[in-house]
Every structure is written in structure tokens, then in C-alpha cells.
Amino acid sequence: MTAVTVTERSYRWIDRLSKLLGVALIAVGLDTGGDTVAGIAFAAAGVACGLATIFVSKQ
């Protein structure tokens, strides 16, 4: 898998936004019901968003 390369400033913004979106999706999953399929799906999507910047490289 090829990593995406962005500037330092862009990386900081992407990282912040992905973490905030991840937390929001986890909160929606918990509000939906942490033991339901929908809740687990939202939480899993939130974790994936929060970890998305692992594949982004800084210049």
C-alpha cells in the first residue's frame, strides 16, 4: 500500500479532523446502543477514522 504525502500543516489539520470525526462516530455508536449491530458499526467506523492518518506521511 502506498502512503499519501502531505505538508506538515495539512497533516495537522487532517489528523485533527479525523480524530474529531472518529470520536463523534464512537459517540453516535454509544448513543445508538453499544450492544447493537448499528452501534458497533458506528464505533468501528470511528476507530477507522481515528487511525486513518497512519497511512499519511508528512513532508
C-alpha atoms as a PDB file:
ATOM      1  CA  MET A   1       0.000   0.000   0.000  1.00  0.00           C
ATOM      2  CA  THR A   2       1.322   3.428  -0.938  1.00  0.00           C
ATOM      3  CA  ALA A   3       1.264   6.190   1.645  1.00  0.00           C
ATOM      4  CA  VAL A   4      -0.031   9.658   0.818  1.00  0.00           C
ATOM      5  CA  THR A   5       2.394  12.534   1.398  1.00  0.00           C
ATOM      6  CA  VAL A   6       1.161  15.971   2.517  1.00  0.00           C
ATOM      7  CA  THR A   7       2.713  19.083   4.014  1.00  0.00           C
ATOM      8  CA  GLU A   8       3.180  19.370   7.772  1.00  0.00           C
ATOM      9  CA  ARG A   9       0.385  21.936   8.094  1.00  0.00           C
ATOM     10  CA  SER A  10      -2.081  19.855   6.079  1.00  0.00           C
ATOM     11  CA  TYR A  11      -1.183  16.772   8.078  1.00  0.00           C
ATOM     12  CA  ARG A  12      -2.019  18.517  11.361  1.00  0.00           C
ATOM     13  CA  TRP A  13      -5.453  19.548  10.056  1.00  0.00           C
ATOM     14  CA  ILE A  14      -6.194  16.119   8.589  1.00  0.00           C
ATOM     15  CA  ASP A  15      -5.104  14.467  11.830  1.00  0.00           C
ATOM     16  CA  ARG A  16      -7.277  16.728  13.991  1.00  0.00           C
ATOM     17  CA  LEU A  17     -10.338  16.350  11.788  1.00  0.00           C
ATOM     18  CA  SER A  18     -10.009  12.583  11.548  1.00  0.00           C
ATOM     19  CA  LYS A  19      -9.708  12.264  15.325  1.00  0.00           C
ATOM     20  CA  LEU A  20     -12.746  14.519  15.915  1.00  0.00           C
ATOM     21  CA  LEU A  21     -14.794  12.617  13.356  1.00  0.00           C
ATOM     22  CA  GLY A  22     -13.719   9.343  14.962  1.00  0.00           C
ATOM     23  CA  VAL A  23     -14.791  10.490  18.411  1.00  0.00           C
ATOM     24  CA  ALA A  24     -18.115  11.728  17.028  1.00  0.00           C
ATOM     25  CA  LEU A  25     -18.804   8.386  15.331  1.00  0.00           C
ATOM     26  CA  ILE A  26     -17.958   6.486  18.508  1.00  0.00           C
ATOM     27  CA  ALA A  27     -20.332   8.746  20.451  1.00  0.00           C
ATOM     28  CA  VAL A  28     -23.090   8.094  17.904  1.00  0.00           C
ATOM     29  CA  GLY A  29     -22.422   4.375  18.237  1.00  0.00           C
ATOM     30  CA  LEU A  30     -22.719   4.528  22.004  1.00  0.00           C
ATOM     31  CA  ASP A  31     -25.875   6.623  21.758  1.00  0.00           C
ATOM     32  CA  THR A  32     -27.351   4.157  19.280  1.00  0.00           C
ATOM     33  CA  GLY A  33     -26.576   1.310  21.628  1.00  0.00           C
ATOM     34  CA  GLY A  34     -23.157  -0.152  22.175  1.00  0.00           C
ATOM     35  CA  ASP A  35     -24.503  -3.679  22.079  1.00  0.00           C
ATOM     36  CA  THR A  36     -26.407  -3.329  18.789  1.00  0.00           C
ATOM     37  CA  VAL A  37     -25.063  -4.033  15.319  1.00  0.00           C
ATOM     38  CA  ALA A  38     -25.520  -0.376  14.316  1.00  0.00           C
ATOM     39  CA  GLY A  39     -23.716   0.838  17.433  1.00  0.00           C
ATOM     40  CA  ILE A  40     -20.797  -1.480  16.845  1.00  0.00           C
ATOM     41  CA  ALA A  41     -20.638  -0.423  13.180  1.00  0.00           C
ATOM     42  CA  PHE A  42     -20.541   3.270  14.110  1.00  0.00           C
ATOM     43  CA  ALA A  43     -17.846   2.628  16.712  1.00  0.00           C
ATOM     44  CA  ALA A  44     -15.761   0.600  14.253  1.00  0.00           C
ATOM     45  CA  ALA A  45     -16.064   3.381  11.661  1.00  0.00           C
ATOM     46  CA  GLY A  46     -14.979   5.868  14.326  1.00  0.00           C
ATOM     47  CA  VAL A  47     -11.890   3.859  15.170  1.00  0.00           C
ATOM     48  CA  ALA A  48     -11.055   3.554  11.466  1.00  0.00           C
ATOM     49  CA  CYS A  49     -11.376   7.331  11.005  1.00  0.00           C
ATOM     50  CA  GLY A  50      -9.246   7.992  14.043  1.00  0.00           C
ATOM     51  CA  LEU A  51      -6.487   5.741  12.722  1.00  0.00           C
ATOM     52  CA  ALA A  52      -6.692   6.945   9.108  1.00  0.00           C
ATOM     53  CA  THR A  53      -3.689   9.241   9.400  1.00  0.00           C
ATOM     54  CA  ILE A  54      -1.390   6.261   9.927  1.00  0.00           C
ATOM     55  CA  PHE A  55      -1.233   5.993   6.124  1.00  0.00           C
ATOM     56  CA  VAL A  56      -0.420   9.692   5.589  1.00  0.00           C
ATOM     57  CA  SER A  57       3.227  10.773   5.508  1.00  0.00           C
ATOM     58  CA  LYS A  58       4.488  14.264   6.302  1.00  0.00           C
ATOM     59  CA  GLN A  59       6.906  16.109   4.019  1.00  0.00           C
END
